[in-house]
Amino acid sequence: MKSRLLLAVMALLCLSLMSFGCASKKVAGPDKDNWEEQERERLAKERELREKLGRVAGELGSMIYFDLDRYDLKPEARQVLTRKAEIMKQYPEIKLVVEGNCDERGTAEYNLALGERRARAAADYLVNLGVPAAKLSIVSYGKERPIDPGHNEAAWSKNRRDEFKPSY
């Protein structure tokens, strides 16, 4: 009898504890609405940035080319970079990765260093034109990413380049 009474008391105690447990929290209407509004604004801003990037991606993505074993900017490259700087000033949200590339001649180490100097030359030129350095980053691929796999001057001249990857 004592065990039944003890069991009944324990069951009653458990039931009372469960009924007094933590109350479920409901998201208040204003907070939920505020979050939804913030998310709508964030998505709208992201869509706007994608549209801006789409309008200028062609010009921002255009490549510049270099002579053999050189990283100085040709006049044509300076014109291309000047246009990129104008676009980046017009759209300050846009960032740009400058990728330096080389042809297959030379060692991997030499071409990585040359690719970096090429990318740095373009980035420095953009900074001199007023593009914030924080909006630019550089990477060198050396001879690892040829556009043209050929083994002649026509192929090599295409591979000695800087590529530009815009983002936001």
C-alpha atoms as a PDB file:
ATOM      1  CA  MET A   1       0.000   0.000   0.000  1.00  0.00           C
ATOM      2  CA  LYS A   2       2.844   2.392   0.826  1.00  0.00           C
ATOM      3  CA  SER A   3       4.432   1.676  -2.540  1.00  0.00           C
ATOM      4  CA  ARG A   4       1.172   2.481  -4.343  1.00  0.00           C
ATOM      5  CA  LEU A   5       0.814   5.674  -2.392  1.00  0.00           C
ATOM      6  CA  LEU A   6       4.446   6.586  -3.075  1.00  0.00           C
ATOM      7  CA  LEU A   7       3.951   5.806  -6.770  1.00  0.00           C
ATOM      8  CA  ALA A   8       0.807   7.969  -6.885  1.00  0.00           C
ATOM      9  CA  VAL A   9       2.581  10.863  -5.167  1.00  0.00           C
ATOM     10  CA  MET A  10       5.516  10.584  -7.592  1.00  0.00           C
ATOM     11  CA  ALA A  11       3.151  10.528 -10.584  1.00  0.00           C
ATOM     12  CA  LEU A  12       1.311  13.554  -9.244  1.00  0.00           C
ATOM     13  CA  LEU A  13       4.609  15.340  -8.660  1.00  0.00           C
ATOM     14  CA  CYS A  14       5.776  14.591 -12.233  1.00  0.00           C
ATOM     15  CA  LEU A  15       2.510  15.822 -13.700  1.00  0.00           C
ATOM     16  CA  SER A  16       2.668  19.020 -11.705  1.00  0.00           C
ATOM     17  CA  LEU A  17       6.275  19.631 -12.747  1.00  0.00           C
ATOM     18  CA  MET A  18       5.408  19.123 -16.408  1.00  0.00           C
ATOM     19  CA  SER A  19       2.545  21.579 -16.176  1.00  0.00           C
ATOM     20  CA  PHE A  20       4.776  24.224 -14.555  1.00  0.00           C
ATOM     21  CA  GLY A  21       7.669  23.772 -16.996  1.00  0.00           C
ATOM     22  CA  CYS A  22       8.944  26.434 -19.341  1.00  0.00           C
ATOM     23  CA  ALA A  23       6.264  28.199 -21.217  1.00  0.00           C
ATOM     24  CA  SER A  24       6.644  27.953 -24.952  1.00  0.00           C
ATOM     25  CA  LYS A  25       7.828  31.192 -26.428  1.00  0.00           C
ATOM     26  CA  LYS A  26       6.023  32.534 -29.394  1.00  0.00           C
ATOM     27  CA  VAL A  27       7.605  34.951 -31.819  1.00  0.00           C
ATOM     28  CA  ALA A  28       5.927  38.227 -31.240  1.00  0.00           C
ATOM     29  CA  GLY A  29       4.225  39.717 -34.240  1.00  0.00           C
ATOM     30  CA  PRO A  30       6.341  42.884 -34.494  1.00  0.00           C
ATOM     31  CA  ASP A  31       9.667  40.987 -34.213  1.00  0.00           C
ATOM     32  CA  LYS A  32       8.622  38.435 -36.796  1.00  0.00           C
ATOM     33  CA  ASP A  33       7.373  41.177 -39.112  1.00  0.00           C
ATOM     34  CA  ASN A  34      10.590  43.144 -38.577  1.00  0.00           C
ATOM     35  CA  TRP A  35      12.707  40.095 -39.450  1.00  0.00           C
ATOM     36  CA  GLU A  36      10.653  39.409 -42.565  1.00  0.00           C
ATOM     37  CA  GLU A  37      10.979  43.031 -43.642  1.00  0.00           C
ATOM     38  CA  GLN A  38      14.744  42.959 -43.089  1.00  0.00           C
ATOM     39  CA  GLU A  39      15.007  39.776 -45.131  1.00  0.00           C
ATOM     40  CA  ARG A  40      12.936  41.299 -47.955  1.00  0.00           C
ATOM     41  CA  GLU A  41      15.217  44.359 -47.949  1.00  0.00           C
ATOM     42  CA  ARG A  42      18.352  42.185 -47.964  1.00  0.00           C
ATOM     43  CA  LEU A  43      17.053  40.119 -50.886  1.00  0.00           C
ATOM     44  CA  ALA A  44      16.029  43.245 -52.799  1.00  0.00           C
ATOM     45  CA  LYS A  45      19.490  44.753 -52.287  1.00  0.00           C
ATOM     46  CA  GLU A  46      21.164  41.529 -53.390  1.00  0.00           C
ATOM     47  CA  ARG A  47      18.967  41.388 -56.511  1.00  0.00           C
ATOM     48  CA  GLU A  48      19.855  45.009 -57.294  1.00  0.00           C
ATOM     49  CA  LEU A  49      23.575  44.267 -56.906  1.00  0.00           C
ATOM     50  CA  ARG A  50      23.285  41.230 -59.194  1.00  0.00           C
ATOM     51  CA  GLU A  51      21.539  43.370 -61.809  1.00  0.00           C
ATOM     52  CA  LYS A  52      24.231  46.059 -61.567  1.00  0.00           C
ATOM     53  CA  LEU A  53      26.938  43.443 -61.855  1.00  0.00           C
ATOM     54  CA  GLY A  54      25.195  41.917 -64.841  1.00  0.00           C
ATOM     55  CA  ARG A  55      25.123  45.283 -66.625  1.00  0.00           C
ATOM     56  CA  VAL A  56      28.858  45.879 -66.221  1.00  0.00           C
ATOM     57  CA  ALA A  57      30.276  42.340 -66.002  1.00  0.00           C
ATOM     58  CA  GLY A  58      31.337  42.331 -69.647  1.00  0.00           C
ATOM     59  CA  GLU A  59      33.472  45.435 -69.326  1.00  0.00           C
ATOM     60  CA  LEU A  60      34.793  44.527 -65.898  1.00  0.00           C
ATOM     61  CA  GLY A  61      35.644  41.039 -67.120  1.00  0.00           C
ATOM     62  CA  SER A  62      37.591  42.118 -70.204  1.00  0.00           C
ATOM     63  CA  MET A  63      41.201  40.944 -70.167  1.00  0.00           C
ATOM     64  CA  ILE A  64      44.446  42.805 -70.710  1.00  0.00           C
ATOM     65  CA  TYR A  65      47.547  41.303 -72.343  1.00  0.00           C
ATOM     66  CA  PHE A  66      51.301  41.507 -71.823  1.00  0.00           C
ATOM     67  CA  ASP A  67      54.470  41.040 -73.829  1.00  0.00           C
ATOM     68  CA  LEU A  68      56.845  38.151 -73.172  1.00  0.00           C
ATOM     69  CA  ASP A  69      58.497  38.370 -69.733  1.00  0.00           C
ATOM     70  CA  ARG A  70      56.923  41.803 -69.132  1.00  0.00           C
ATOM     71  CA  TYR A  71      54.440  43.182 -66.646  1.00  0.00           C
ATOM     72  CA  ASP A  72      54.321  46.812 -67.766  1.00  0.00           C
ATOM     73  CA  LEU A  73      50.933  47.996 -68.983  1.00  0.00           C
ATOM     74  CA  LYS A  74      50.468  48.648 -72.697  1.00  0.00           C
ATOM     75  CA  PRO A  75      48.442  51.711 -73.779  1.00  0.00           C
ATOM     76  CA  GLU A  76      45.493  49.460 -74.701  1.00  0.00           C
ATOM     77  CA  ALA A  77      45.585  47.912 -71.231  1.00  0.00           C
ATOM     78  CA  ARG A  78      45.584  51.343 -69.626  1.00  0.00           C
ATOM     79  CA  GLN A  79      42.446  52.270 -71.586  1.00  0.00           C
ATOM     80  CA  VAL A  80      40.700  49.079 -70.467  1.00  0.00           C
ATOM     81  CA  LEU A  81      41.727  49.673 -66.852  1.00  0.00           C
ATOM     82  CA  THR A  82      40.595  53.306 -66.987  1.00  0.00           C
ATOM     83  CA  ARG A  83      37.114  52.145 -68.018  1.00  0.00           C
ATOM     84  CA  LYS A  84      37.104  49.559 -65.215  1.00  0.00           C
ATOM     85  CA  ALA A  85      38.017  52.282 -62.701  1.00  0.00           C
ATOM     86  CA  GLU A  86      35.138  54.470 -63.935  1.00  0.00           C
ATOM     87  CA  ILE A  87      32.699  51.594 -63.499  1.00  0.00           C
ATOM     88  CA  MET A  88      33.994  50.719 -60.056  1.00  0.00           C
ATOM     89  CA  LYS A  89      33.644  54.332 -58.914  1.00  0.00           C
ATOM     90  CA  GLN A  90      30.098  54.369 -60.266  1.00  0.00           C
ATOM     91  CA  TYR A  91      29.276  51.094 -58.460  1.00  0.00           C
ATOM     92  CA  PRO A  92      31.244  51.174 -55.192  1.00  0.00           C
ATOM     93  CA  GLU A  93      29.714  47.868 -54.020  1.00  0.00           C
ATOM     94  CA  ILE A  94      31.577  45.929 -56.701  1.00  0.00           C
ATOM     95  CA  LYS A  95      34.830  44.169 -55.893  1.00  0.00           C
ATOM     96  CA  LEU A  96      37.363  42.875 -58.390  1.00  0.00           C
ATOM     97  CA  VAL A  97      39.811  39.967 -58.324  1.00  0.00           C
ATOM     98  CA  VAL A  98      42.762  40.452 -60.680  1.00  0.00           C
ATOM     99  CA  GLU A  99      44.197  37.139 -61.884  1.00  0.00           C
ATOM    100  CA  GLY A 100      47.700  37.176 -63.371  1.00  0.00           C
ATOM    101  CA  ASN A 101      48.540  34.530 -65.989  1.00  0.00           C
ATOM    102  CA  CYS A 102      51.558  33.571 -68.096  1.00  0.00           C
ATOM    103  CA  ASP A 103      52.375  31.374 -71.064  1.00  0.00           C
ATOM    104  CA  GLU A 104      53.890  27.926 -70.681  1.00  0.00           C
ATOM    105  CA  ARG A 105      57.512  28.986 -71.066  1.00  0.00           C
ATOM    106  CA  GLY A 106      59.624  29.344 -67.942  1.00  0.00           C
ATOM    107  CA  THR A 107      59.531  27.540 -64.629  1.00  0.00           C
ATOM    108  CA  ALA A 108      56.418  27.328 -62.490  1.00  0.00           C
ATOM    109  CA  GLU A 109      58.040  29.532 -59.832  1.00  0.00           C
ATOM    110  CA  TYR A 110      59.092  32.182 -62.343  1.00  0.00           C
ATOM    111  CA  ASN A 111      55.637  32.292 -63.915  1.00  0.00           C
ATOM    112  CA  LEU A 112      53.867  32.510 -60.550  1.00  0.00           C
ATOM    113  CA  ALA A 113      56.023  35.507 -59.651  1.00  0.00           C
ATOM    114  CA  LEU A 114      55.508  37.100 -63.079  1.00  0.00           C
ATOM    115  CA  GLY A 115      51.740  36.514 -62.879  1.00  0.00           C
ATOM    116  CA  GLU A 116      51.686  38.220 -59.508  1.00  0.00           C
ATOM    117  CA  ARG A 117      53.623  41.218 -60.854  1.00  0.00           C
ATOM    118  CA  ARG A 118      51.157  41.461 -63.759  1.00  0.00           C
ATOM    119  CA  ALA A 119      48.156  41.357 -61.446  1.00  0.00           C
ATOM    120  CA  ARG A 120      49.799  43.852 -59.080  1.00  0.00           C
ATOM    121  CA  ALA A 121      50.540  46.244 -61.967  1.00  0.00           C
ATOM    122  CA  ALA A 122      46.851  46.285 -62.960  1.00  0.00           C
ATOM    123  CA  ALA A 123      45.644  46.627 -59.364  1.00  0.00           C
ATOM    124  CA  ASP A 124      48.093  49.453 -58.645  1.00  0.00           C
ATOM    125  CA  TYR A 125      46.957  51.279 -61.775  1.00  0.00           C
ATOM    126  CA  LEU A 126      43.319  50.985 -60.664  1.00  0.00           C
ATOM    127  CA  VAL A 127      44.214  52.293 -57.195  1.00  0.00           C
ATOM    128  CA  ASN A 128      46.032  55.244 -58.794  1.00  0.00           C
ATOM    129  CA  LEU A 129      42.805  55.984 -60.679  1.00  0.00           C
ATOM    130  CA  GLY A 130      40.868  56.163 -57.398  1.00  0.00           C
ATOM    131  CA  VAL A 131      39.597  52.623 -56.874  1.00  0.00           C
ATOM    132  CA  PRO A 132      39.882  51.728 -53.165  1.00  0.00           C
ATOM    133  CA  ALA A 133      42.549  49.077 -52.618  1.00  0.00           C
ATOM    134  CA  ALA A 134      40.132  47.235 -50.309  1.00  0.00           C
ATOM    135  CA  LYS A 135      37.910  46.539 -53.347  1.00  0.00           C
ATOM    136  CA  LEU A 136      40.743  44.736 -55.157  1.00  0.00           C
ATOM    137  CA  SER A 137      42.524  41.461 -54.616  1.00  0.00           C
ATOM    138  CA  ILE A 138      45.130  39.719 -56.720  1.00  0.00           C
ATOM    139  CA  VAL A 139      46.047  36.124 -57.434  1.00  0.00           C
ATOM    140  CA  SER A 140      48.626  34.556 -59.712  1.00  0.00           C
ATOM    141  CA  TYR A 141      48.012  31.350 -61.615  1.00  0.00           C
ATOM    142  CA  GLY A 142      51.333  31.438 -63.444  1.00  0.00           C
ATOM    143  CA  LYS A 143      51.156  29.066 -66.391  1.00  0.00           C
ATOM    144  CA  GLU A 144      48.559  26.762 -64.815  1.00  0.00           C
ATOM    145  CA  ARG A 145      45.447  28.151 -66.556  1.00  0.00           C
ATOM    146  CA  PRO A 146      46.115  28.681 -70.247  1.00  0.00           C
ATOM    147  CA  ILE A 147      43.272  29.891 -72.430  1.00  0.00           C
ATOM    148  CA  ASP A 148      44.897  28.424 -75.526  1.00  0.00           C
ATOM    149  CA  PRO A 149      46.717  25.104 -75.075  1.00  0.00           C
ATOM    150  CA  GLY A 150      48.781  25.602 -78.246  1.00  0.00           C
ATOM    151  CA  HIS A 151      52.570  25.693 -78.302  1.00  0.00           C
ATOM    152  CA  ASN A 152      53.165  28.687 -80.569  1.00  0.00           C
ATOM    153  CA  GLU A 153      53.310  32.471 -80.347  1.00  0.00           C
ATOM    154  CA  ALA A 154      49.617  32.880 -81.200  1.00  0.00           C
ATOM    155  CA  ALA A 155      48.650  30.727 -78.202  1.00  0.00           C
ATOM    156  CA  TRP A 156      51.288  32.200 -75.892  1.00  0.00           C
ATOM    157  CA  SER A 157      50.184  35.776 -76.591  1.00  0.00           C
ATOM    158  CA  LYS A 158      46.620  34.880 -75.479  1.00  0.00           C
ATOM    159  CA  ASN A 159      47.911  33.268 -72.296  1.00  0.00           C
ATOM    160  CA  ARG A 160      50.000  36.276 -71.162  1.00  0.00           C
ATOM    161  CA  ARG A 161      47.079  38.108 -69.580  1.00  0.00           C
ATOM    162  CA  ASP A 162      45.275  39.462 -66.564  1.00  0.00           C
ATOM    163  CA  GLU A 163      41.722  38.283 -66.073  1.00  0.00           C
ATOM    164  CA  PHE A 164      39.222  40.162 -63.907  1.00  0.00           C
ATOM    165  CA  LYS A 165      36.473  38.562 -61.820  1.00  0.00           C
ATOM    166  CA  PRO A 166      33.875  41.025 -60.509  1.00  0.00           C
ATOM    167  CA  SER A 167      31.744  40.312 -57.449  1.00  0.00           C
ATOM    168  CA  TYR A 168      29.852  42.232 -54.792  1.00  0.00           C
END
